[in-house]
Amino acid sequence: MIELTASDGASFSAYRAEPTEVPKGAVVVLQDVFGLTPEIRKAADAFAAAGYVAIAPSLFDRVKPGVSLGHDEGGKAEGAAISAQIGKEQAISDIQATVDAVKDAGKVAVVGYCWGGDLAYAAANKVNGIACVIGYDGSATVADYREKRKVPTLLHFGECDPELPLEAIAQFRAWRPDVSAFTYPEAAQGFSCDERGSFREDAAEQALERTLFWISQYVEGQKPILLKNAGAYAQAKTEKKKKKKGGDDLGPPMD
């Protein structure tokens, strides 16, 4: 555990996991309403094993330090009450401080679960220095559709989540075509956590595969793909500009 300080002077702890080799970048892991649980640390460890500096801030520390609640109704109610006291703006301030703490490792991704999924979605437009965000089970996310995302955003939803009707997810997709949103059959909230009764191994593996690919694209960066006729098309456009101004772009030359 390390100690961090937000811009308003508030201090909070964070769990940091290091990769065994030179880091490819960094991943900030945002907790659900159950706090900085062993499951959230396990998720951070998995990102570290994939080659990234991983850090999970204890976002409840402003109200109650060191919170780690059980995955039951009592734990959910207590966590929801604490998250309401924290509020979005203070959480975003702590996320910004966390991103700043790991940006020396390279580009930074933000991954959040449930409450943290909603915060990850908000962070896309409010936090500086992030390359992409991924949100799981963000029940409030589907209502936050008005602003276009400033960074690439990937979302995962269970199709059997009582807090997220499929109709609402479908409407969100229509409003925000700039967001990649996937749903998983027979999956409910918490489907990616193997310590919860809602765990779905097949959905969790598929979502993680998509998440790691998303991070590799925007944190590491992929080599450019040379499309067929790309060189000829570029040359044709250059020659066209030399001959005349304006005119329609008719696309790449045909074979």
C-alpha atoms as a PDB file:
ATOM      1  CA  MET A   1       0.000   0.000   0.000  1.00  0.00           C
ATOM      2  CA  ILE A   2       1.110   3.534  -0.736  1.00  0.00           C
ATOM      3  CA  GLU A   3      -0.201   6.950   0.311  1.00  0.00           C
ATOM      4  CA  LEU A   4      -1.402   9.561  -2.201  1.00  0.00           C
ATOM      5  CA  THR A   5      -2.625  13.144  -1.873  1.00  0.00           C
ATOM      6  CA  ALA A   6      -5.397  14.737  -3.930  1.00  0.00           C
ATOM      7  CA  SER A   7      -5.323  18.333  -5.177  1.00  0.00           C
ATOM      8  CA  ASP A   8      -7.474  19.469  -2.233  1.00  0.00           C
ATOM      9  CA  GLY A   9      -4.967  18.053   0.258  1.00  0.00           C
ATOM     10  CA  ALA A  10      -6.953  14.932   1.164  1.00  0.00           C
ATOM     11  CA  SER A  11      -4.812  11.826   1.605  1.00  0.00           C
ATOM     12  CA  PHE A  12      -5.810   8.276   0.752  1.00  0.00           C
ATOM     13  CA  SER A  13      -4.168   4.890   0.363  1.00  0.00           C
ATOM     14  CA  ALA A  14      -3.785   2.811  -2.790  1.00  0.00           C
ATOM     15  CA  TYR A  15      -2.772  -0.733  -3.600  1.00  0.00           C
ATOM     16  CA  ARG A  16       0.024  -0.820  -6.175  1.00  0.00           C
ATOM     17  CA  ALA A  17       1.215  -3.893  -8.068  1.00  0.00           C
ATOM     18  CA  GLU A  18       4.318  -3.917 -10.272  1.00  0.00           C
ATOM     19  CA  PRO A  19       4.980  -6.010 -13.390  1.00  0.00           C
ATOM     20  CA  THR A  20       8.023  -8.269 -13.418  1.00  0.00           C
ATOM     21  CA  GLU A  21       9.523  -6.540 -16.467  1.00  0.00           C
ATOM     22  CA  VAL A  22       9.626  -3.013 -17.886  1.00  0.00           C
ATOM     23  CA  PRO A  23       6.004  -1.790 -17.742  1.00  0.00           C
ATOM     24  CA  LYS A  24       3.993  -1.394 -20.938  1.00  0.00           C
ATOM     25  CA  GLY A  25       1.981   1.371 -19.285  1.00  0.00           C
ATOM     26  CA  ALA A  26      -0.344   1.655 -16.296  1.00  0.00           C
ATOM     27  CA  VAL A  27      -3.862   0.610 -15.294  1.00  0.00           C
ATOM     28  CA  VAL A  28      -5.882   2.377 -12.584  1.00  0.00           C
ATOM     29  CA  VAL A  29      -8.405  -0.057 -11.051  1.00  0.00           C
ATOM     30  CA  LEU A  30     -11.526   1.504  -9.506  1.00  0.00           C
ATOM     31  CA  GLN A  31     -13.371  -0.331  -6.749  1.00  0.00           C
ATOM     32  CA  ASP A  32     -17.043  -1.205  -6.466  1.00  0.00           C
ATOM     33  CA  VAL A  33     -19.198  -0.242  -3.451  1.00  0.00           C
ATOM     34  CA  PHE A  34     -17.641  -3.007  -1.373  1.00  0.00           C
ATOM     35  CA  GLY A  35     -14.372  -1.080  -1.039  1.00  0.00           C
ATOM     36  CA  LEU A  36     -10.778  -2.042  -1.693  1.00  0.00           C
ATOM     37  CA  THR A  37     -11.499  -5.748  -1.340  1.00  0.00           C
ATOM     38  CA  PRO A  38      -9.193  -8.724  -1.977  1.00  0.00           C
ATOM     39  CA  GLU A  39     -11.038  -9.124  -5.306  1.00  0.00           C
ATOM     40  CA  ILE A  40     -10.092  -5.608  -6.428  1.00  0.00           C
ATOM     41  CA  ARG A  41      -6.481  -6.253  -5.434  1.00  0.00           C
ATOM     42  CA  LYS A  42      -6.633  -9.529  -7.352  1.00  0.00           C
ATOM     43  CA  ALA A  43      -7.795  -7.618 -10.433  1.00  0.00           C
ATOM     44  CA  ALA A  44      -4.864  -5.206 -10.018  1.00  0.00           C
ATOM     45  CA  ASP A  45      -2.479  -8.166  -9.688  1.00  0.00           C
ATOM     46  CA  ALA A  46      -3.845  -9.608 -12.946  1.00  0.00           C
ATOM     47  CA  PHE A  47      -3.123  -6.369 -14.822  1.00  0.00           C
ATOM     48  CA  ALA A  48       0.369  -6.299 -13.322  1.00  0.00           C
ATOM     49  CA  ALA A  49       0.894  -9.894 -14.495  1.00  0.00           C
ATOM     50  CA  ALA A  50      -0.100  -8.694 -17.988  1.00  0.00           C
ATOM     51  CA  GLY A  51       2.763  -6.193 -17.914  1.00  0.00           C
ATOM     52  CA  TYR A  52       1.267  -2.987 -16.516  1.00  0.00           C
ATOM     53  CA  VAL A  53       1.816  -0.991 -13.356  1.00  0.00           C
ATOM     54  CA  ALA A  54      -1.554  -1.455 -11.647  1.00  0.00           C
ATOM     55  CA  ILE A  55      -2.908   0.758  -8.891  1.00  0.00           C
ATOM     56  CA  ALA A  56      -6.226   0.639  -7.031  1.00  0.00           C
ATOM     57  CA  PRO A  57      -7.077   3.721  -4.930  1.00  0.00           C
ATOM     58  CA  SER A  58      -9.056   3.299  -1.717  1.00  0.00           C
ATOM     59  CA  LEU A  59     -11.793   5.727  -2.702  1.00  0.00           C
ATOM     60  CA  PHE A  60     -13.691   5.421   0.613  1.00  0.00           C
ATOM     61  CA  ASP A  61     -10.770   6.728   2.696  1.00  0.00           C
ATOM     62  CA  ARG A  62     -12.186  10.269   2.836  1.00  0.00           C
ATOM     63  CA  VAL A  63     -15.110   8.926   4.895  1.00  0.00           C
ATOM     64  CA  LYS A  64     -13.868   5.633   6.332  1.00  0.00           C
ATOM     65  CA  PRO A  65     -10.311   4.385   5.682  1.00  0.00           C
ATOM     66  CA  GLY A  66      -9.524   0.785   4.828  1.00  0.00           C
ATOM     67  CA  VAL A  67     -13.043  -0.326   3.893  1.00  0.00           C
ATOM     68  CA  SER A  68     -13.437  -3.902   2.645  1.00  0.00           C
ATOM     69  CA  LEU A  69     -17.025  -5.156   2.886  1.00  0.00           C
ATOM     70  CA  GLY A  70     -18.641  -8.521   2.328  1.00  0.00           C
ATOM     71  CA  HIS A  71     -20.570  -9.218  -0.864  1.00  0.00           C
ATOM     72  CA  ASP A  72     -23.967  -9.291   0.807  1.00  0.00           C
ATOM     73  CA  GLU A  73     -26.916  -6.918   1.155  1.00  0.00           C
ATOM     74  CA  GLY A  74     -25.514  -5.394   4.346  1.00  0.00           C
ATOM     75  CA  GLY A  75     -22.161  -4.721   2.699  1.00  0.00           C
ATOM     76  CA  LYS A  76     -23.847  -3.302  -0.374  1.00  0.00           C
ATOM     77  CA  ALA A  77     -26.014  -0.950   1.698  1.00  0.00           C
ATOM     78  CA  GLU A  78     -23.060   0.286   3.757  1.00  0.00           C
ATOM     79  CA  GLY A  79     -20.930   0.791   0.669  1.00  0.00           C
ATOM     80  CA  ALA A  80     -23.704   2.649  -1.133  1.00  0.00           C
ATOM     81  CA  ALA A  81     -24.057   4.995   1.840  1.00  0.00           C
ATOM     82  CA  ILE A  82     -20.313   5.723   1.883  1.00  0.00           C
ATOM     83  CA  SER A  83     -20.153   6.262  -1.877  1.00  0.00           C
ATOM     84  CA  ALA A  84     -23.032   8.761  -1.578  1.00  0.00           C
ATOM     85  CA  GLN A  85     -21.030  10.704   1.027  1.00  0.00           C
ATOM     86  CA  ILE A  86     -17.932  10.695  -1.177  1.00  0.00           C
ATOM     87  CA  GLY A  87     -19.772  11.990  -4.234  1.00  0.00           C
ATOM     88  CA  LYS A  88     -18.505  12.041  -7.804  1.00  0.00           C
ATOM     89  CA  GLU A  89     -16.329  15.161  -7.663  1.00  0.00           C
ATOM     90  CA  GLN A  90     -14.210  14.031  -4.701  1.00  0.00           C
ATOM     91  CA  ALA A  91     -13.813  10.578  -6.243  1.00  0.00           C
ATOM     92  CA  ILE A  92     -12.716  12.144  -9.542  1.00  0.00           C
ATOM     93  CA  SER A  93     -10.145  14.243  -7.659  1.00  0.00           C
ATOM     94  CA  ASP A  94      -8.692  11.086  -6.104  1.00  0.00           C
ATOM     95  CA  ILE A  95      -8.689   9.318  -9.478  1.00  0.00           C
ATOM     96  CA  GLN A  96      -6.761  12.235 -10.994  1.00  0.00           C
ATOM     97  CA  ALA A  97      -4.146  11.973  -8.234  1.00  0.00           C
ATOM     98  CA  THR A  98      -3.907   8.216  -8.836  1.00  0.00           C
ATOM     99  CA  VAL A  99      -3.410   8.675 -12.587  1.00  0.00           C
ATOM    100  CA  ASP A 100      -0.717  11.287 -11.910  1.00  0.00           C
ATOM    101  CA  ALA A 101       1.056   8.839  -9.587  1.00  0.00           C
ATOM    102  CA  VAL A 102       1.594   6.232 -12.329  1.00  0.00           C
ATOM    103  CA  LYS A 103       1.915   8.305 -15.523  1.00  0.00           C
ATOM    104  CA  ASP A 104       5.697   7.885 -15.448  1.00  0.00           C
ATOM    105  CA  ALA A 105       5.086   4.218 -16.405  1.00  0.00           C
ATOM    106  CA  GLY A 106       3.621   5.266 -19.763  1.00  0.00           C
ATOM    107  CA  LYS A 107       0.070   5.773 -20.996  1.00  0.00           C
ATOM    108  CA  VAL A 108      -2.686   5.108 -18.454  1.00  0.00           C
ATOM    109  CA  ALA A 109      -5.950   3.151 -18.719  1.00  0.00           C
ATOM    110  CA  VAL A 110      -8.763   3.325 -16.161  1.00  0.00           C
ATOM    111  CA  VAL A 111     -10.830   0.203 -15.410  1.00  0.00           C
ATOM    112  CA  GLY A 112     -13.783   0.314 -13.011  1.00  0.00           C
ATOM    113  CA  TYR A 113     -16.289  -2.150 -11.569  1.00  0.00           C
ATOM    114  CA  CYS A 114     -19.935  -1.294 -10.724  1.00  0.00           C
ATOM    115  CA  TRP A 115     -19.649   2.045  -8.843  1.00  0.00           C
ATOM    116  CA  GLY A 116     -16.119   2.208 -10.180  1.00  0.00           C
ATOM    117  CA  GLY A 117     -17.511   1.515 -13.656  1.00  0.00           C
ATOM    118  CA  ASP A 118     -19.627   4.651 -13.418  1.00  0.00           C
ATOM    119  CA  LEU A 119     -16.590   6.593 -12.183  1.00  0.00           C
ATOM    120  CA  ALA A 120     -14.459   5.251 -15.041  1.00  0.00           C
ATOM    121  CA  TYR A 121     -17.054   6.477 -17.534  1.00  0.00           C
ATOM    122  CA  ALA A 122     -17.083   9.920 -15.884  1.00  0.00           C
ATOM    123  CA  ALA A 123     -13.268   9.954 -15.798  1.00  0.00           C
ATOM    124  CA  ALA A 124     -13.179   9.730 -19.609  1.00  0.00           C
ATOM    125  CA  ASN A 125     -14.274  13.372 -19.761  1.00  0.00           C
ATOM    126  CA  LYS A 126     -13.022  14.728 -16.438  1.00  0.00           C
ATOM    127  CA  VAL A 127      -9.588  13.233 -15.751  1.00  0.00           C
ATOM    128  CA  ASN A 128      -6.469  14.388 -17.571  1.00  0.00           C
ATOM    129  CA  GLY A 129      -3.776  12.038 -18.807  1.00  0.00           C
ATOM    130  CA  ILE A 130      -5.733   8.865 -19.540  1.00  0.00           C
ATOM    131  CA  ALA A 131      -5.556   6.942 -22.813  1.00  0.00           C
ATOM    132  CA  CYS A 132      -8.759   4.889 -22.493  1.00  0.00           C
ATOM    133  CA  VAL A 133     -11.377   3.704 -20.024  1.00  0.00           C
ATOM    134  CA  ILE A 134     -13.224   0.428 -19.428  1.00  0.00           C
ATOM    135  CA  GLY A 135     -16.330   0.127 -17.268  1.00  0.00           C
ATOM    136  CA  TYR A 136     -18.082  -2.967 -15.917  1.00  0.00           C
ATOM    137  CA  ASP A 137     -21.720  -2.976 -14.710  1.00  0.00           C
ATOM    138  CA  GLY A 138     -22.061   0.803 -14.446  1.00  0.00           C
ATOM    139  CA  SER A 139     -25.740   1.136 -13.542  1.00  0.00           C
ATOM    140  CA  ALA A 140     -25.665   4.956 -13.674  1.00  0.00           C
ATOM    141  CA  THR A 141     -23.650   5.054 -16.895  1.00  0.00           C
ATOM    142  CA  VAL A 142     -26.593   4.437 -19.222  1.00  0.00           C
ATOM    143  CA  ALA A 143     -28.268   7.633 -17.969  1.00  0.00           C
ATOM    144  CA  ASP A 144     -25.106   9.669 -18.606  1.00  0.00           C
ATOM    145  CA  TYR A 145     -25.353   9.702 -22.389  1.00  0.00           C
ATOM    146  CA  ARG A 146     -25.282  13.375 -23.338  1.00  0.00           C
ATOM    147  CA  GLU A 147     -21.559  14.047 -23.746  1.00  0.00           C
ATOM    148  CA  LYS A 148     -19.388  12.495 -26.417  1.00  0.00           C
ATOM    149  CA  ARG A 149     -16.446  10.642 -24.888  1.00  0.00           C
ATOM    150  CA  LYS A 150     -13.053  12.343 -25.055  1.00  0.00           C
ATOM    151  CA  VAL A 151     -11.101   9.056 -24.914  1.00  0.00           C
ATOM    152  CA  PRO A 152     -11.855   5.555 -26.266  1.00  0.00           C
ATOM    153  CA  THR A 153     -14.420   3.907 -23.992  1.00  0.00           C
ATOM    154  CA  LEU A 154     -15.347   0.232 -23.618  1.00  0.00           C
ATOM    155  CA  LEU A 155     -18.287  -0.981 -21.485  1.00  0.00           C
ATOM    156  CA  HIS A 156     -19.431  -4.404 -20.272  1.00  0.00           C
ATOM    157  CA  PHE A 157     -22.994  -5.150 -19.102  1.00  0.00           C
ATOM    158  CA  GLY A 158     -24.761  -8.294 -17.966  1.00  0.00           C
ATOM    159  CA  GLU A 159     -28.025  -8.987 -19.771  1.00  0.00           C
ATOM    160  CA  CYS A 160     -29.676 -10.231 -16.552  1.00  0.00           C
ATOM    161  CA  ASP A 161     -28.777  -7.270 -14.334  1.00  0.00           C
ATOM    162  CA  PRO A 162     -32.008  -6.041 -12.644  1.00  0.00           C
ATOM    163  CA  GLU A 163     -30.497  -2.552 -12.339  1.00  0.00           C
ATOM    164  CA  LEU A 164     -29.738  -2.380 -16.076  1.00  0.00           C
ATOM    165  CA  PRO A 165     -32.702  -3.252 -18.331  1.00  0.00           C
ATOM    166  CA  LEU A 166     -31.649  -4.324 -21.810  1.00  0.00           C
ATOM    167  CA  GLU A 167     -33.892  -1.636 -23.263  1.00  0.00           C
ATOM    168  CA  ALA A 168     -31.899   1.035 -21.429  1.00  0.00           C
ATOM    169  CA  ILE A 169     -28.615  -0.395 -22.717  1.00  0.00           C
ATOM    170  CA  ALA A 170     -29.986  -0.508 -26.269  1.00  0.00           C
ATOM    171  CA  GLN A 171     -31.082   3.116 -25.996  1.00  0.00           C
ATOM    172  CA  PHE A 172     -27.672   4.083 -24.610  1.00  0.00           C
ATOM    173  CA  ARG A 173     -25.998   2.448 -27.617  1.00  0.00           C
ATOM    174  CA  ALA A 174     -28.200   4.500 -29.933  1.00  0.00           C
ATOM    175  CA  TRP A 175     -27.300   7.711 -28.108  1.00  0.00           C
ATOM    176  CA  ARG A 176     -23.579   6.970 -27.851  1.00  0.00           C
ATOM    177  CA  PRO A 177     -22.337   5.192 -30.995  1.00  0.00           C
ATOM    178  CA  ASP A 178     -18.834   6.413 -30.095  1.00  0.00           C
ATOM    179  CA  VAL A 179     -18.781   3.948 -27.166  1.00  0.00           C
ATOM    180  CA  SER A 180     -18.125   0.202 -27.543  1.00  0.00           C
ATOM    181  CA  ALA A 181     -20.706  -1.492 -25.298  1.00  0.00           C
ATOM    182  CA  PHE A 182     -20.990  -5.278 -24.975  1.00  0.00           C
ATOM    183  CA  THR A 183     -23.641  -7.345 -23.195  1.00  0.00           C
ATOM    184  CA  TYR A 184     -23.290 -10.900 -21.895  1.00  0.00           C
ATOM    185  CA  PRO A 185     -26.166 -13.434 -21.822  1.00  0.00           C
ATOM    186  CA  GLU A 186     -27.171 -14.898 -18.433  1.00  0.00           C
ATOM    187  CA  ALA A 187     -24.796 -12.483 -16.681  1.00  0.00           C
ATOM    188  CA  ALA A 188     -25.787 -10.152 -13.852  1.00  0.00           C
ATOM    189  CA  GLN A 189     -23.988  -7.467 -11.880  1.00  0.00           C
ATOM    190  CA  GLY A 190     -20.620  -8.684 -10.609  1.00  0.00           C
ATOM    191  CA  PHE A 191     -20.313 -11.379 -13.288  1.00  0.00           C
ATOM    192  CA  SER A 192     -16.534 -10.813 -13.508  1.00  0.00           C
ATOM    193  CA  CYS A 193     -15.852 -11.410  -9.777  1.00  0.00           C
ATOM    194  CA  ASP A 194     -15.159 -15.053  -8.942  1.00  0.00           C
ATOM    195  CA  GLU A 195     -15.971 -14.470  -5.258  1.00  0.00           C
ATOM    196  CA  ARG A 196     -19.604 -13.567  -5.955  1.00  0.00           C
ATOM    197  CA  GLY A 197     -22.594 -15.782  -6.633  1.00  0.00           C
ATOM    198  CA  SER A 198     -23.213 -13.902  -9.875  1.00  0.00           C
ATOM    199  CA  PHE A 199     -19.826 -14.950 -11.315  1.00  0.00           C
ATOM    200  CA  ARG A 200     -20.012 -16.180 -14.914  1.00  0.00           C
ATOM    201  CA  GLU A 201     -16.700 -17.656 -16.020  1.00  0.00           C
ATOM    202  CA  ASP A 202     -17.411 -17.566 -19.750  1.00  0.00           C
ATOM    203  CA  ALA A 203     -18.580 -13.951 -19.697  1.00  0.00           C
ATOM    204  CA  ALA A 204     -15.728 -12.900 -17.382  1.00  0.00           C
ATOM    205  CA  GLU A 205     -13.110 -14.430 -19.684  1.00  0.00           C
ATOM    206  CA  GLN A 206     -14.606 -12.844 -22.798  1.00  0.00           C
ATOM    207  CA  ALA A 207     -14.872  -9.417 -21.135  1.00  0.00           C
ATOM    208  CA  LEU A 208     -11.301  -9.626 -19.846  1.00  0.00           C
ATOM    209  CA  GLU A 209     -10.033 -10.586 -23.296  1.00  0.00           C
ATOM    210  CA  ARG A 210     -11.751  -7.533 -24.773  1.00  0.00           C
ATOM    211  CA  THR A 211     -10.473  -5.349 -21.947  1.00  0.00           C
ATOM    212  CA  LEU A 212      -6.850  -6.409 -22.401  1.00  0.00           C
ATOM    213  CA  PHE A 213      -7.079  -5.908 -26.161  1.00  0.00           C
ATOM    214  CA  TRP A 214      -8.560  -2.430 -25.618  1.00  0.00           C
ATOM    215  CA  ILE A 215      -5.738  -1.525 -23.250  1.00  0.00           C
ATOM    216  CA  SER A 216      -3.100  -2.909 -25.613  1.00  0.00           C
ATOM    217  CA  GLN A 217      -4.496  -0.768 -28.428  1.00  0.00           C
ATOM    218  CA  TYR A 218      -4.583   2.532 -26.588  1.00  0.00           C
ATOM    219  CA  VAL A 219      -1.905   2.160 -23.924  1.00  0.00           C
ATOM    220  CA  GLU A 220       0.763   0.219 -25.802  1.00  0.00           C
ATOM    221  CA  GLY A 221      -0.340   1.116 -29.318  1.00  0.00           C
ATOM    222  CA  GLN A 222      -0.481  -1.337 -32.175  1.00  0.00           C
ATOM    223  CA  LYS A 223       1.630  -1.305 -35.327  1.00  0.00           C
ATOM    224  CA  PRO A 224      -0.162   0.398 -38.249  1.00  0.00           C
ATOM    225  CA  ILE A 225      -2.052  -1.935 -40.559  1.00  0.00           C
ATOM    226  CA  LEU A 226      -1.213  -1.411 -44.233  1.00  0.00           C
ATOM    227  CA  LEU A 227      -4.483  -1.644 -46.117  1.00  0.00           C
ATOM    228  CA  LYS A 228      -4.657  -2.980 -49.649  1.00  0.00           C
ATOM    229  CA  ASN A 229      -3.942  -0.226 -52.205  1.00  0.00           C
ATOM    230  CA  ALA A 230      -3.138   2.209 -49.387  1.00  0.00           C
ATOM    231  CA  GLY A 231       0.071   3.344 -51.059  1.00  0.00           C
ATOM    232  CA  ALA A 232      -1.560   3.691 -54.486  1.00  0.00           C
ATOM    233  CA  TYR A 233      -4.480   5.617 -52.967  1.00  0.00           C
ATOM    234  CA  ALA A 234      -2.194   8.034 -51.172  1.00  0.00           C
ATOM    235  CA  GLN A 235      -0.238   8.612 -54.365  1.00  0.00           C
ATOM    236  CA  ALA A 236      -3.424   9.077 -56.412  1.00  0.00           C
ATOM    237  CA  LYS A 237      -4.723  11.691 -53.955  1.00  0.00           C
ATOM    238  CA  THR A 238      -1.408  13.543 -54.055  1.00  0.00           C
ATOM    239  CA  GLU A 239      -1.372  13.640 -57.867  1.00  0.00           C
ATOM    240  CA  LYS A 240      -5.005  14.775 -57.952  1.00  0.00           C
ATOM    241  CA  LYS A 241      -4.233  17.719 -55.666  1.00  0.00           C
ATOM    242  CA  LYS A 242      -1.357  18.768 -57.930  1.00  0.00           C
ATOM    243  CA  LYS A 243      -3.598  18.820 -61.002  1.00  0.00           C
ATOM    244  CA  LYS A 244      -6.600  20.676 -59.581  1.00  0.00           C
ATOM    245  CA  LYS A 245      -8.161  22.002 -56.450  1.00  0.00           C
ATOM    246  CA  GLY A 246     -11.395  20.560 -55.125  1.00  0.00           C
ATOM    247  CA  GLY A 247     -13.247  17.681 -56.797  1.00  0.00           C
ATOM    248  CA  ASP A 248     -14.786  14.549 -55.310  1.00  0.00           C
ATOM    249  CA  ASP A 249     -12.696  11.871 -53.632  1.00  0.00           C
ATOM    250  CA  LEU A 250     -13.741   8.761 -55.528  1.00  0.00           C
ATOM    251  CA  GLY A 251     -11.913   6.389 -53.201  1.00  0.00           C
ATOM    252  CA  PRO A 252      -8.985   4.035 -53.777  1.00  0.00           C
ATOM    253  CA  PRO A 253      -8.241   2.823 -57.305  1.00  0.00           C
ATOM    254  CA  MET A 254      -9.881  -0.459 -58.228  1.00  0.00           C
ATOM    255  CA  ASP A 255      -7.896  -3.587 -59.072  1.00  0.00           C
END
